[in-house]
Amino acid sequence: MEDSAKILVIDDEESIRFTFESFLSEVGHSVSVARDYEEAVEKVGAEEFDLIFVDIILGGKTGIDVIRAVRGRNINSPVVMITGAPHVDTASEALRLGAFDYIPKPVTQETLLRVTKLALRHKALHDEKEKYRSNLDAIFRSVKEGIITVDRDLKVVEMNEAAGNICGMSREDVLGRSFDDLSAACGGRCLIALKETIETRKPVEVRRIECRRSKCVATICASPLCDYQGTFSGAVIVIRDETRLADLERDLGERRSFHSLIGRSRKMQNVYSLLEALADVQTTVLVTGESGTGKELAAEAIHYRGERSGGPLVKVNCSALSENLLESELFGHVKGSFTGAISDKVGRFQKAHGGSIFLDEIGDISHGIQLRLLRVLQEMEFERVGDSTPVRVDVRVIAATNRDLPARIAGGQFREDLYYRLKVVEVNMPPLRERKEDIPPLVEHFLKKFNKKLKKEIAGVSADVEKIFFEYSWPGNIRELEHALEHAFILCRQNILAVDHLPENLKMFSPAASAPVQGSDLEERLRIANALERTAGNKARAARLLGMDRKTLYRKMSKYGVFEEG
């Protein structure tokens, strides 16, 4: 016998009502009957039914009127029409309004029970779907993280209340709109992440960005949306509001990161403060430091944390091009201006209009380019190669170099007036050897990155690897650390990176040969650094973990230079 269902039969013929009630009751269903529209509406309003049968003609009303009444009350019971003479228009109207099916008279027991079974199965599936949807809606509403989903064309499909609060937008204002339009006022980093995810169909995470619309600091993670069959349909972006944490870290001088820069040493805290101050000041900035210290990340932080973040950030590696190619790349050219100029070309300065241009390795440019660049900085205009018409631009210039520019000025290789034009404010990125307390958070960051990239579950590095990392001088700085860890990841077949997995130069490195701190002192310094890392910098908890009081911990931190400016 089938599971019992509550069924309503609406028909003005008593014989039909009796027949339906008899057939359906025999298989265990609970049947109610109504002889006209008014009685049907009254019963539908008083109790819930799993299935409704209704005659197409009900005195002065019709079965379609009943369907309208049922749907008007948001009742999800399937409705099956009974008709003596089915008409195409009537049937199509009934189906358009949501009727499940229609059956012609005379109705046989077999037909009635078959249609009943199909309709109840349809309702069960619909109810199950609604239950899952309700659960998802509840989760969607309750999570503190903002969630926005978009289709493949970047049109907003859904947004929860938390996203509205974080982004300063209402759900009604954004549904169906292009994310391109919505991101114009907030800096565009979410849009960049979503576009990359849709293009690559891979997750993208951006830490600690500042939304210019709501003034909040958030970490965003964009991921592709695929169904159970793997069909790609769009992307979802999860937004975690970290404003209070960022404010607290800034107030305490213990920020672990700033934009994509990572580190909580005193030197990096000073860099963060300077970058934050520069973000909305439209001045030229010179970023200096050794190769691999994160100069490009500093330039990105200045751009994306400032009021130009909605505009483009155009990057140029000045050392990678010859003088002629660099001139064309920076300023553009007109067709026929030189051999190979088969069409007009828009230069990087023009492409950066309204945004920023990052000139990397600025110390390697020729005297001719230096002179042209000086004019751009002074007047914000230039001519394309082969053209005498000036082009005006509104661009913020951020330059970077690992060269000693004062020494190059002394040697006649760099213009002094250009140097001072570029160096309105200088941001010096410290080498890794001067901020070794940042190695643990950097290692943690790269572990997460490579676990995701290489689909592994490596938990950490061995104590011997830690010793090498702390005592090695890192001439290639953070880039060398990143490459060393990626090399180790590729070779590792366990859950801990060991010395044997490191590149040859690190495997052959002997800490005792160059370490300023030896033996038990080195071990104790590593223990303190690890304890502080495990407790997220909480010195009271770290002291308890190490079995010492806080005064002793502070004294030893000072002795070993842990979290102090080196």
Protein backbone atom coordinates (compact mmCIF):
# COMPACT_ATOMS: atom_id res chain seq x y z
CA MET A 1 0.00 0.00 0.00
CA GLU A 2 1.21 3.51 -0.83
CA ASP A 3 2.01 6.06 1.88
CA SER A 4 -1.14 7.84 3.00
CA ALA A 5 -1.70 11.30 1.50
CA LYS A 6 -4.34 13.96 2.09
CA ILE A 7 -6.25 14.53 -1.15
CA LEU A 8 -9.01 17.01 -2.03
CA VAL A 9 -11.50 16.19 -4.82
CA ILE A 10 -13.48 19.16 -6.21
CA ASP A 11 -16.34 18.34 -8.59
CA ASP A 12 -20.01 19.36 -8.89
CA GLU A 13 -21.00 15.80 -9.83
CA GLU A 14 -21.66 13.64 -6.77
CA SER A 15 -20.86 10.43 -8.69
CA ILE A 16 -17.37 11.71 -9.55
CA ARG A 17 -16.73 12.72 -5.95
CA PHE A 18 -17.91 9.29 -4.72
CA THR A 19 -15.89 7.36 -7.31
CA PHE A 20 -12.66 9.28 -6.64
CA GLU A 21 -13.09 8.97 -2.88
CA SER A 22 -13.66 5.20 -3.15
CA PHE A 23 -10.71 4.52 -5.46
CA LEU A 24 -8.29 6.66 -3.45
CA SER A 25 -9.43 5.46 -0.03
CA GLU A 26 -8.91 1.84 -1.08
CA VAL A 27 -5.16 2.45 -1.38
CA GLY A 28 -4.96 4.25 1.97
CA HIS A 29 -5.32 7.92 1.16
CA SER A 30 -7.36 10.35 3.25
CA VAL A 31 -9.89 12.02 0.95
CA SER A 32 -11.91 15.21 1.38
CA VAL A 33 -14.46 16.43 -1.17
CA ALA A 34 -15.91 19.80 -2.23
CA ARG A 35 -18.85 20.35 -4.56
CA ASP A 36 -18.14 23.94 -5.69
CA TYR A 37 -15.57 26.74 -5.79
CA GLU A 38 -16.57 28.36 -2.47
CA GLU A 39 -16.41 25.11 -0.52
CA ALA A 40 -13.07 24.25 -2.16
CA VAL A 41 -11.52 27.61 -1.26
CA GLU A 42 -12.76 27.25 2.33
CA LYS A 43 -11.21 23.78 2.70
CA VAL A 44 -7.92 24.79 1.05
CA GLY A 45 -7.68 27.68 3.52
CA ALA A 46 -8.44 25.45 6.52
CA GLU A 47 -6.01 22.56 6.00
CA GLU A 48 -3.09 21.41 3.87
CA PHE A 49 -3.48 18.87 1.07
CA ASP A 50 -0.86 16.81 -0.70
CA LEU A 51 -2.85 16.68 -3.95
CA ILE A 52 -5.93 18.40 -5.42
CA PHE A 53 -8.22 17.08 -8.19
CA VAL A 54 -10.56 19.73 -9.64
CA ASP A 55 -13.17 19.68 -12.41
CA ILE A 56 -12.72 22.24 -15.17
CA ILE A 57 -16.38 23.39 -14.84
CA LEU A 58 -17.75 24.34 -11.40
CA GLY A 59 -21.06 26.12 -11.86
CA GLY A 60 -20.24 29.79 -12.28
CA LYS A 61 -16.53 29.21 -11.70
CA THR A 62 -13.84 27.03 -13.29
CA GLY A 63 -11.00 24.82 -12.19
CA ILE A 64 -8.61 27.50 -13.41
CA ASP A 65 -10.13 29.86 -10.80
CA VAL A 66 -9.30 27.24 -8.17
CA ILE A 67 -5.70 27.04 -9.41
CA ARG A 68 -5.42 30.84 -9.15
CA ALA A 69 -6.75 30.74 -5.59
CA VAL A 70 -4.36 27.93 -4.63
CA ARG A 71 -1.33 29.67 -6.10
CA GLY A 72 -2.43 33.00 -4.62
CA ARG A 73 -2.14 31.42 -1.14
CA ASN A 74 1.36 30.03 -1.95
CA ILE A 75 0.09 26.47 -1.58
CA ASN A 76 2.43 23.99 -3.24
CA SER A 77 0.00 21.10 -3.67
CA PRO A 78 -0.01 19.71 -7.22
CA VAL A 79 -3.34 20.29 -8.98
CA VAL A 80 -4.77 17.84 -11.55
CA MET A 81 -7.60 19.03 -13.80
CA ILE A 82 -10.63 16.79 -14.59
CA THR A 83 -12.34 17.57 -17.87
CA GLY A 84 -15.10 16.03 -19.93
CA ALA A 85 -13.92 17.63 -23.18
CA PRO A 86 -10.25 18.71 -23.03
CA HIS A 87 -9.54 21.81 -25.08
CA VAL A 88 -6.05 22.91 -26.11
CA ASP A 89 -6.50 26.48 -24.86
CA THR A 90 -7.93 25.36 -21.53
CA ALA A 91 -5.21 22.77 -21.00
CA SER A 92 -2.40 25.16 -21.87
CA GLU A 93 -3.82 27.86 -19.56
CA ALA A 94 -4.08 25.34 -16.73
CA LEU A 95 -0.51 24.18 -17.24
CA ARG A 96 0.71 27.76 -17.50
CA LEU A 97 -0.81 28.50 -14.11
CA GLY A 98 0.94 25.51 -12.61
CA ALA A 99 -1.42 22.54 -12.99
CA PHE A 100 0.50 19.27 -12.74
CA ASP A 101 -1.63 17.39 -15.32
CA TYR A 102 -5.17 16.89 -16.58
CA ILE A 103 -7.21 13.72 -17.07
CA PRO A 104 -10.29 13.28 -19.28
CA LYS A 105 -13.58 11.74 -18.25
CA PRO A 106 -14.53 9.00 -17.87
CA VAL A 107 -11.69 8.32 -15.44
CA THR A 108 -10.66 4.74 -14.90
CA GLN A 109 -9.27 3.50 -11.59
CA GLU A 110 -5.96 2.64 -13.24
CA THR A 111 -5.55 6.14 -14.72
CA LEU A 112 -6.53 7.82 -11.46
CA LEU A 113 -4.07 5.84 -9.35
CA ARG A 114 -1.27 6.25 -11.89
CA VAL A 115 -1.68 10.03 -12.04
CA THR A 116 -1.99 10.16 -8.24
CA LYS A 117 1.24 8.26 -7.80
CA LEU A 118 3.11 10.53 -10.24
CA ALA A 119 1.72 13.71 -8.67
CA LEU A 120 2.62 12.63 -5.12
CA ARG A 121 6.11 11.63 -6.24
CA HIS A 122 6.47 15.06 -7.85
CA LYS A 123 5.36 16.73 -4.60
CA ALA A 124 7.81 14.63 -2.56
CA LEU A 125 10.68 15.70 -4.81
CA HIS A 126 9.52 19.31 -4.69
CA ASP A 127 9.27 19.22 -0.88
CA GLU A 128 12.75 17.70 -0.62
CA LYS A 129 14.13 20.39 -2.90
CA GLU A 130 12.39 23.08 -0.84
CA LYS A 131 13.83 21.63 2.36
CA TYR A 132 17.36 21.82 0.97
CA ARG A 133 16.71 25.30 -0.38
CA SER A 134 15.37 26.44 3.01
CA ASN A 135 18.42 24.97 4.74
CA LEU A 136 20.73 26.71 2.31
CA ASP A 137 18.83 29.98 2.74
CA ALA A 138 19.16 29.66 6.52
CA ILE A 139 22.90 29.03 6.22
CA PHE A 140 23.21 31.84 3.69
CA ARG A 141 21.49 34.26 6.10
CA SER A 142 23.27 33.14 9.26
CA VAL A 143 26.95 33.15 8.23
CA LYS A 144 28.92 36.25 9.17
CA GLU A 145 30.96 36.19 5.96
CA GLY A 146 29.55 38.00 2.97
CA ILE A 147 28.62 35.75 0.05
CA ILE A 148 27.95 36.91 -3.52
CA THR A 149 27.39 34.58 -6.46
CA VAL A 150 27.68 35.58 -10.10
CA ASP A 151 27.06 33.82 -13.39
CA ARG A 152 29.61 33.40 -16.15
CA ASP A 153 28.85 36.92 -17.43
CA LEU A 154 29.52 38.40 -13.97
CA LYS A 155 25.85 39.18 -13.32
CA VAL A 156 24.93 38.95 -9.64
CA VAL A 157 22.75 35.91 -8.96
CA GLU A 158 22.52 36.08 -5.16
CA MET A 159 23.88 38.01 -2.18
CA ASN A 160 23.39 37.45 1.54
CA GLU A 161 22.69 40.11 4.16
CA ALA A 162 26.26 39.98 5.51
CA ALA A 163 27.65 40.92 2.08
CA GLY A 164 25.25 43.84 1.93
CA ASN A 165 26.43 45.06 5.35
CA ILE A 166 30.11 44.68 4.48
CA CYS A 167 29.85 46.22 1.01
CA GLY A 168 27.27 48.87 1.82
CA MET A 169 24.77 47.67 -0.79
CA SER A 170 21.27 46.22 -0.60
CA ARG A 171 20.34 42.88 -2.16
CA GLU A 172 17.55 44.49 -4.19
CA ASP A 173 19.99 46.98 -5.71
CA VAL A 174 22.49 44.41 -6.94
CA LEU A 175 20.58 41.31 -8.12
CA GLY A 176 20.80 40.96 -11.89
CA ARG A 177 23.34 43.76 -12.25
CA SER A 178 26.83 43.34 -13.64
CA PHE A 179 29.61 43.14 -11.04
CA ASP A 180 31.57 45.48 -13.33
CA ASP A 181 29.12 48.28 -12.47
CA LEU A 182 29.10 47.54 -8.74
CA SER A 183 32.88 47.44 -8.30
CA ALA A 184 33.58 50.91 -9.73
CA ALA A 185 33.12 52.58 -6.34
CA CYS A 186 34.91 50.04 -4.15
CA GLY A 187 38.32 49.63 -5.75
CA GLY A 188 37.78 46.70 -8.08
CA ARG A 189 39.82 44.01 -6.27
CA CYS A 190 36.76 41.74 -5.91
CA LEU A 191 36.10 42.12 -9.63
CA ILE A 192 39.70 41.22 -10.50
CA ALA A 193 39.48 38.10 -8.31
CA LEU A 194 36.15 37.04 -9.83
CA LYS A 195 37.39 37.56 -13.40
CA GLU A 196 40.51 35.50 -12.70
CA THR A 197 38.41 32.71 -11.18
CA ILE A 198 36.01 32.66 -14.13
CA GLU A 199 38.90 32.69 -16.62
CA THR A 200 41.02 30.04 -14.86
CA ARG A 201 38.26 28.18 -12.97
CA LYS A 202 40.56 28.16 -9.96
CA PRO A 203 40.18 29.74 -6.49
CA VAL A 204 41.72 33.18 -5.91
CA GLU A 205 42.38 34.68 -2.46
CA VAL A 206 43.26 38.31 -1.76
CA ARG A 207 44.16 39.25 1.82
CA ARG A 208 43.34 42.45 3.62
CA ILE A 209 42.01 44.74 0.90
CA GLU A 210 40.28 48.00 1.74
CA CYS A 211 36.83 48.59 0.28
CA ARG A 212 36.61 52.21 -0.77
CA ARG A 213 32.81 52.19 -0.66
CA SER A 214 32.35 50.92 2.91
CA LYS A 215 35.86 51.71 4.24
CA CYS A 216 36.18 48.19 5.65
CA VAL A 217 39.21 45.90 5.48
CA ALA A 218 38.36 42.46 4.14
CA THR A 219 39.91 39.23 2.94
CA ILE A 220 38.18 37.83 -0.14
CA CYS A 221 38.17 34.37 -1.67
CA ALA A 222 36.66 33.72 -5.10
CA SER A 223 35.89 30.13 -6.15
CA PRO A 224 34.34 28.55 -9.25
CA LEU A 225 30.74 27.27 -9.06
CA CYS A 226 30.20 23.80 -10.51
CA ASP A 227 27.27 21.40 -10.16
CA TYR A 228 27.52 17.72 -9.22
CA GLN A 229 28.26 16.88 -12.86
CA GLY A 230 31.10 19.39 -12.98
CA THR A 231 29.28 21.89 -15.21
CA PHE A 232 30.74 25.37 -14.65
CA SER A 233 28.09 28.05 -14.01
CA GLY A 234 29.88 31.04 -12.51
CA ALA A 235 31.70 31.99 -9.31
CA VAL A 236 31.12 32.73 -5.65
CA ILE A 237 33.06 35.29 -3.65
CA VAL A 238 33.29 35.04 0.15
CA ILE A 239 34.12 38.29 1.96
CA ARG A 240 35.46 38.21 5.54
CA ASP A 241 35.35 41.55 7.34
CA GLU A 242 38.64 42.00 9.21
CA THR A 243 38.31 45.71 9.96
CA ARG A 244 38.35 45.37 13.77
CA LEU A 245 41.29 42.97 13.67
CA ALA A 246 43.19 45.25 11.28
CA ASP A 247 42.49 48.28 13.50
CA LEU A 248 43.62 46.38 16.60
CA GLU A 249 46.79 45.14 14.92
CA ARG A 250 47.54 48.65 13.67
CA ASP A 251 47.00 50.14 17.13
CA LEU A 252 49.23 47.50 18.71
CA GLY A 253 51.81 47.75 15.93
CA GLU A 254 51.48 43.99 15.31
CA ARG A 255 49.92 43.70 11.87
CA ARG A 256 50.77 40.32 10.37
CA SER A 257 50.17 41.57 6.84
CA PHE A 258 49.28 44.56 4.69
CA HIS A 259 47.63 43.93 1.33
CA SER A 260 49.80 41.06 -0.03
CA LEU A 261 52.84 41.87 2.10
CA ILE A 262 53.46 39.51 5.03
CA GLY A 263 55.44 40.04 8.22
CA ARG A 264 54.98 41.51 11.69
CA SER A 265 58.51 42.67 12.44
CA ARG A 266 59.08 46.24 13.55
CA LYS A 267 60.63 47.08 10.16
CA MET A 268 57.55 45.79 8.32
CA GLN A 269 55.23 47.66 10.69
CA ASN A 270 57.06 50.85 9.67
CA VAL A 271 56.67 49.93 5.98
CA TYR A 272 52.93 49.28 6.46
CA SER A 273 52.43 52.65 8.14
CA LEU A 274 54.27 54.46 5.37
CA LEU A 275 52.36 52.65 2.60
CA GLU A 276 49.07 53.42 4.33
CA ALA A 277 49.99 57.09 4.59
CA LEU A 278 50.97 57.20 0.90
CA ALA A 279 47.86 55.49 -0.45
CA ASP A 280 45.76 58.64 -0.89
CA VAL A 281 48.60 61.13 -1.34
CA GLN A 282 49.07 61.60 -5.10
CA THR A 283 52.84 61.89 -5.06
CA THR A 284 55.57 59.99 -6.87
CA VAL A 285 57.02 57.13 -4.84
CA LEU A 286 60.37 55.37 -5.18
CA VAL A 287 60.46 51.83 -3.76
CA THR A 288 63.98 50.62 -3.07
CA GLY A 289 65.40 47.36 -1.84
CA GLU A 290 67.22 44.24 -2.90
CA SER A 291 65.78 41.88 -5.47
CA GLY A 292 63.05 39.67 -4.04
CA THR A 293 62.06 41.89 -1.11
CA GLY A 294 58.55 42.63 -2.38
CA LYS A 295 58.88 45.99 -4.14
CA GLU A 296 56.13 45.13 -6.65
CA LEU A 297 53.80 44.10 -3.80
CA ALA A 298 54.47 47.45 -2.12
CA ALA A 299 53.50 49.24 -5.35
CA GLU A 300 50.29 47.18 -5.54
CA ALA A 301 49.47 48.06 -1.93
CA ILE A 302 49.88 51.79 -2.63
CA HIS A 303 47.65 51.58 -5.70
CA TYR A 304 44.90 49.30 -4.40
CA ARG A 305 44.64 50.99 -1.00
CA GLY A 306 44.37 54.45 -2.57
CA GLU A 307 41.69 56.44 -4.38
CA ARG A 308 43.06 55.35 -7.77
CA SER A 309 42.31 51.69 -7.05
CA GLY A 310 39.34 51.79 -9.43
CA GLY A 311 41.71 52.67 -12.28
CA PRO A 312 44.35 50.48 -13.92
CA LEU A 313 47.70 49.53 -12.44
CA VAL A 314 50.06 49.20 -15.42
CA LYS A 315 53.42 47.51 -14.82
CA VAL A 316 56.58 47.92 -16.91
CA ASN A 317 59.86 46.04 -16.41
CA CYS A 318 62.26 48.69 -17.66
CA SER A 319 65.31 46.42 -17.69
CA ALA A 320 63.70 43.84 -20.00
CA LEU A 321 63.52 46.10 -23.09
CA SER A 322 65.99 47.96 -25.28
CA GLU A 323 65.86 51.76 -25.37
CA ASN A 324 63.80 51.94 -28.60
CA LEU A 325 61.35 49.26 -27.53
CA LEU A 326 60.99 50.78 -24.07
CA GLU A 327 60.30 54.22 -25.53
CA SER A 328 57.55 52.78 -27.75
CA GLU A 329 56.20 50.69 -24.86
CA LEU A 330 56.01 53.66 -22.48
CA PHE A 331 54.80 56.40 -24.82
CA GLY A 332 53.35 54.57 -27.83
CA HIS A 333 54.02 55.23 -31.51
CA VAL A 334 52.25 56.06 -34.75
CA LYS A 335 52.14 53.89 -37.84
CA GLY A 336 55.30 54.14 -39.95
CA SER A 337 57.38 55.89 -37.27
CA PHE A 338 60.02 53.14 -37.50
CA THR A 339 60.59 49.81 -39.24
CA GLY A 340 57.99 47.37 -38.03
CA ALA A 341 55.52 50.04 -36.85
CA ILE A 342 52.66 48.69 -38.96
CA SER A 343 49.93 50.33 -36.87
CA ASP A 344 49.42 52.92 -34.13
CA LYS A 345 50.26 51.75 -30.62
CA VAL A 346 48.94 53.11 -27.32
CA GLY A 347 51.72 53.41 -24.74
CA ARG A 348 51.66 52.24 -21.13
CA PHE A 349 51.38 55.79 -19.78
CA GLN A 350 48.22 56.33 -21.81
CA LYS A 351 46.83 52.96 -20.72
CA ALA A 352 47.43 53.93 -17.08
CA HIS A 353 45.35 57.14 -17.39
CA GLY A 354 43.26 57.55 -14.23
CA GLY A 355 45.34 54.95 -12.40
CA SER A 356 48.99 54.19 -11.63
CA ILE A 357 52.05 53.07 -13.56
CA PHE A 358 54.71 50.93 -11.90
CA LEU A 359 58.17 51.36 -13.44
CA ASP A 360 60.26 48.46 -12.17
CA GLU A 361 64.07 48.49 -12.40
CA ILE A 362 64.05 52.22 -13.11
CA GLY A 363 67.81 52.40 -12.44
CA ASP A 364 68.56 50.59 -15.71
CA ILE A 365 66.95 53.03 -18.17
CA SER A 366 69.04 55.00 -20.69
CA HIS A 367 69.73 58.76 -20.58
CA GLY A 368 67.28 59.35 -23.44
CA ILE A 369 64.42 57.63 -21.63
CA GLN A 370 65.41 59.39 -18.39
CA LEU A 371 65.00 62.76 -20.12
CA ARG A 372 61.59 61.89 -21.56
CA LEU A 373 60.44 60.48 -18.25
CA LEU A 374 61.50 63.67 -16.47
CA ARG A 375 59.20 65.69 -18.75
CA VAL A 376 56.28 63.38 -18.04
CA LEU A 377 56.80 63.76 -14.29
CA GLN A 378 57.03 67.55 -14.61
CA GLU A 379 54.18 68.20 -17.06
CA MET A 380 52.18 64.97 -17.26
CA GLU A 381 52.33 65.01 -21.05
CA PHE A 382 54.42 63.34 -23.77
CA GLU A 383 54.51 62.69 -27.52
CA ARG A 384 54.19 59.31 -29.10
CA VAL A 385 57.16 58.13 -31.17
CA GLY A 386 56.83 59.68 -34.61
CA ASP A 387 54.18 62.21 -33.54
CA SER A 388 54.50 65.82 -32.35
CA THR A 389 51.03 66.09 -30.82
CA PRO A 390 51.28 66.15 -27.00
CA VAL A 391 49.21 63.62 -25.06
CA ARG A 392 48.14 64.62 -21.54
CA VAL A 393 47.64 61.96 -18.88
CA ASP A 394 46.60 61.71 -15.25
CA VAL A 395 48.88 59.02 -13.85
CA ARG A 396 50.50 58.29 -10.53
CA VAL A 397 54.08 57.08 -10.96
CA ILE A 398 55.53 54.44 -8.66
CA ALA A 399 59.10 53.44 -9.48
CA ALA A 400 61.30 50.71 -8.05
CA THR A 401 64.95 49.77 -8.18
CA ASN A 402 67.47 47.47 -6.55
CA ARG A 403 70.29 49.72 -7.71
CA ASP A 404 72.22 52.24 -5.61
CA LEU A 405 70.96 55.33 -7.47
CA PRO A 406 73.19 57.87 -5.64
CA ALA A 407 76.21 55.79 -6.73
CA ARG A 408 74.93 55.73 -10.32
CA ILE A 409 74.42 59.51 -10.17
CA ALA A 410 78.02 59.89 -9.01
CA GLY A 411 79.12 57.69 -11.92
CA GLY A 412 77.12 59.74 -14.44
CA GLN A 413 74.70 56.91 -15.19
CA PHE A 414 71.55 58.46 -13.72
CA ARG A 415 70.19 62.01 -13.78
CA GLU A 416 70.15 63.67 -10.38
CA ASP A 417 67.08 65.79 -11.22
CA LEU A 418 65.11 62.66 -12.20
CA TYR A 419 66.23 60.93 -9.01
CA TYR A 420 64.76 63.68 -6.85
CA ARG A 421 61.60 63.79 -8.97
CA LEU A 422 61.14 60.08 -8.37
CA LYS A 423 62.17 60.16 -4.74
CA VAL A 424 59.49 62.49 -3.40
CA VAL A 425 58.93 59.71 -0.87
CA GLU A 426 61.13 56.62 -0.61
CA VAL A 427 59.90 53.27 0.67
CA ASN A 428 62.78 50.96 1.51
CA MET A 429 61.91 47.26 1.62
CA PRO A 430 64.13 45.53 4.22
CA PRO A 431 65.99 42.37 3.21
CA LEU A 432 64.85 39.11 4.80
CA ARG A 433 68.10 38.72 6.77
CA GLU A 434 67.16 41.88 8.71
CA ARG A 435 63.68 40.63 9.65
CA LYS A 436 64.08 36.93 10.30
CA GLU A 437 61.24 36.98 12.82
CA ASP A 438 59.01 37.21 9.72
CA ILE A 439 60.19 33.81 8.45
CA PRO A 440 57.54 31.77 10.39
CA PRO A 441 54.53 33.70 9.02
CA LEU A 442 56.08 33.69 5.53
CA VAL A 443 56.61 29.93 5.72
CA GLU A 444 53.01 29.49 6.92
CA HIS A 445 51.76 31.59 4.00
CA PHE A 446 53.73 29.61 1.41
CA LEU A 447 52.67 26.29 2.97
CA LYS A 448 49.02 27.26 2.41
CA LYS A 449 49.77 28.49 -1.09
CA PHE A 450 51.63 25.37 -2.24
CA ASN A 451 49.28 22.95 -0.48
CA LYS A 452 46.48 24.42 -2.56
CA LYS A 453 48.51 24.71 -5.76
CA LEU A 454 50.06 21.23 -5.61
CA LYS A 455 47.12 19.54 -3.86
CA LYS A 456 49.15 18.36 -0.89
CA GLU A 457 48.66 18.40 2.89
CA ILE A 458 52.09 19.31 4.23
CA ALA A 459 51.80 20.47 7.84
CA GLY A 460 55.13 22.22 8.34
CA VAL A 461 58.92 22.08 8.26
CA SER A 462 61.29 20.09 10.44
CA ALA A 463 63.37 21.63 13.26
CA ASP A 464 66.53 21.23 11.16
CA VAL A 465 64.92 23.13 8.29
CA GLU A 466 63.89 25.87 10.74
CA LYS A 467 67.50 26.20 11.90
CA ILE A 468 68.71 26.58 8.34
CA PHE A 469 65.96 29.09 7.52
CA PHE A 470 66.83 31.25 10.55
CA GLU A 471 70.58 31.22 9.99
CA TYR A 472 70.78 31.41 6.20
CA SER A 473 71.42 34.94 4.87
CA TRP A 474 68.79 34.72 2.05
CA PRO A 475 70.56 36.76 -0.67
CA GLY A 476 67.49 36.25 -2.87
CA ASN A 477 65.20 37.33 -0.02
CA ILE A 478 61.52 36.31 0.04
CA ARG A 479 61.56 35.17 -3.58
CA GLU A 480 64.37 32.74 -2.74
CA LEU A 481 62.44 31.46 0.30
CA GLU A 482 59.36 30.93 -1.85
CA HIS A 483 61.30 29.04 -4.52
CA ALA A 484 63.08 26.94 -1.87
CA LEU A 485 59.75 25.89 -0.37
CA GLU A 486 58.23 25.13 -3.77
CA HIS A 487 61.28 22.98 -4.59
CA ALA A 488 60.83 21.16 -1.27
CA PHE A 489 57.10 20.67 -1.87
CA ILE A 490 57.73 18.99 -5.22
CA LEU A 491 60.18 16.49 -3.69
CA CYS A 492 58.33 15.87 -0.43
CA ARG A 493 56.30 12.63 -0.12
CA GLN A 494 55.43 13.07 3.56
CA ASN A 495 53.69 15.69 5.67
CA ILE A 496 56.82 17.49 6.95
CA LEU A 497 59.45 19.21 4.80
CA ALA A 498 62.90 17.88 5.67
CA VAL A 499 66.43 19.04 4.84
CA ASP A 500 66.70 16.46 2.05
CA HIS A 501 63.85 18.20 0.22
CA LEU A 502 65.62 21.59 0.11
CA PRO A 503 67.60 22.96 -2.85
CA GLU A 504 71.27 21.92 -2.93
CA ASN A 505 72.66 25.26 -1.68
CA LEU A 506 70.49 25.08 1.44
CA LYS A 507 71.21 21.39 2.05
CA MET A 508 74.94 22.17 1.96
CA PHE A 509 74.54 25.25 4.19
CA SER A 510 76.05 24.90 7.67
CA PRO A 511 74.43 27.20 10.26
CA ALA A 512 77.48 26.90 12.51
CA ALA A 513 79.67 28.47 9.85
CA SER A 514 77.88 31.82 9.82
CA ALA A 515 75.36 31.99 12.63
CA PRO A 516 75.80 34.83 15.11
CA VAL A 517 73.91 32.78 17.70
CA GLN A 518 75.26 29.32 18.54
CA GLY A 519 74.31 26.05 20.25
CA SER A 520 71.71 26.23 23.02
CA ASP A 521 71.14 29.96 22.40
CA LEU A 522 70.04 29.20 18.85
CA GLU A 523 67.69 26.47 20.04
CA GLU A 524 66.16 28.75 22.64
CA ARG A 525 65.67 31.54 20.15
CA LEU A 526 63.91 29.13 17.79
CA ARG A 527 61.72 27.86 20.65
CA ILE A 528 60.68 31.43 21.51
CA ALA A 529 59.96 32.31 17.88
CA ASN A 530 57.90 29.14 17.41
CA ALA A 531 55.95 29.71 20.63
CA LEU A 532 55.09 33.27 19.62
CA GLU A 533 54.07 32.04 16.19
CA ARG A 534 51.82 29.32 17.67
CA THR A 535 50.14 31.84 19.99
CA ALA A 536 49.70 34.48 17.24
CA GLY A 537 52.07 36.85 19.06
CA ASN A 538 50.33 36.61 22.47
CA LYS A 539 53.33 36.97 24.80
CA ALA A 540 51.49 35.88 27.95
CA ARG A 541 50.36 32.63 26.33
CA ALA A 542 53.78 32.10 24.75
CA ALA A 543 55.44 32.49 28.18
CA ARG A 544 53.10 29.86 29.67
CA LEU A 545 53.81 27.55 26.74
CA LEU A 546 57.56 27.94 27.31
CA GLY A 547 57.28 27.53 31.10
CA MET A 548 58.66 30.96 31.97
CA ASP A 549 57.24 34.24 33.27
CA ARG A 550 56.60 37.19 30.98
CA LYS A 551 59.55 39.26 32.27
CA THR A 552 61.92 36.43 31.41
CA LEU A 553 60.34 36.11 27.98
CA TYR A 554 60.73 39.85 27.31
CA ARG A 555 64.38 39.72 28.41
CA LYS A 556 65.15 36.76 26.17
CA MET A 557 63.29 38.34 23.24
CA SER A 558 65.46 41.41 23.65
CA LYS A 559 68.60 39.28 23.93
CA TYR A 560 67.93 37.30 20.75
CA GLY A 561 66.32 40.11 18.75
CA VAL A 562 63.04 38.25 18.37
CA PHE A 563 60.37 40.65 17.05
CA GLU A 564 62.71 43.52 17.55
CA GLU A 565 64.18 45.71 14.84
CA GLY A 566 67.43 44.06 13.79
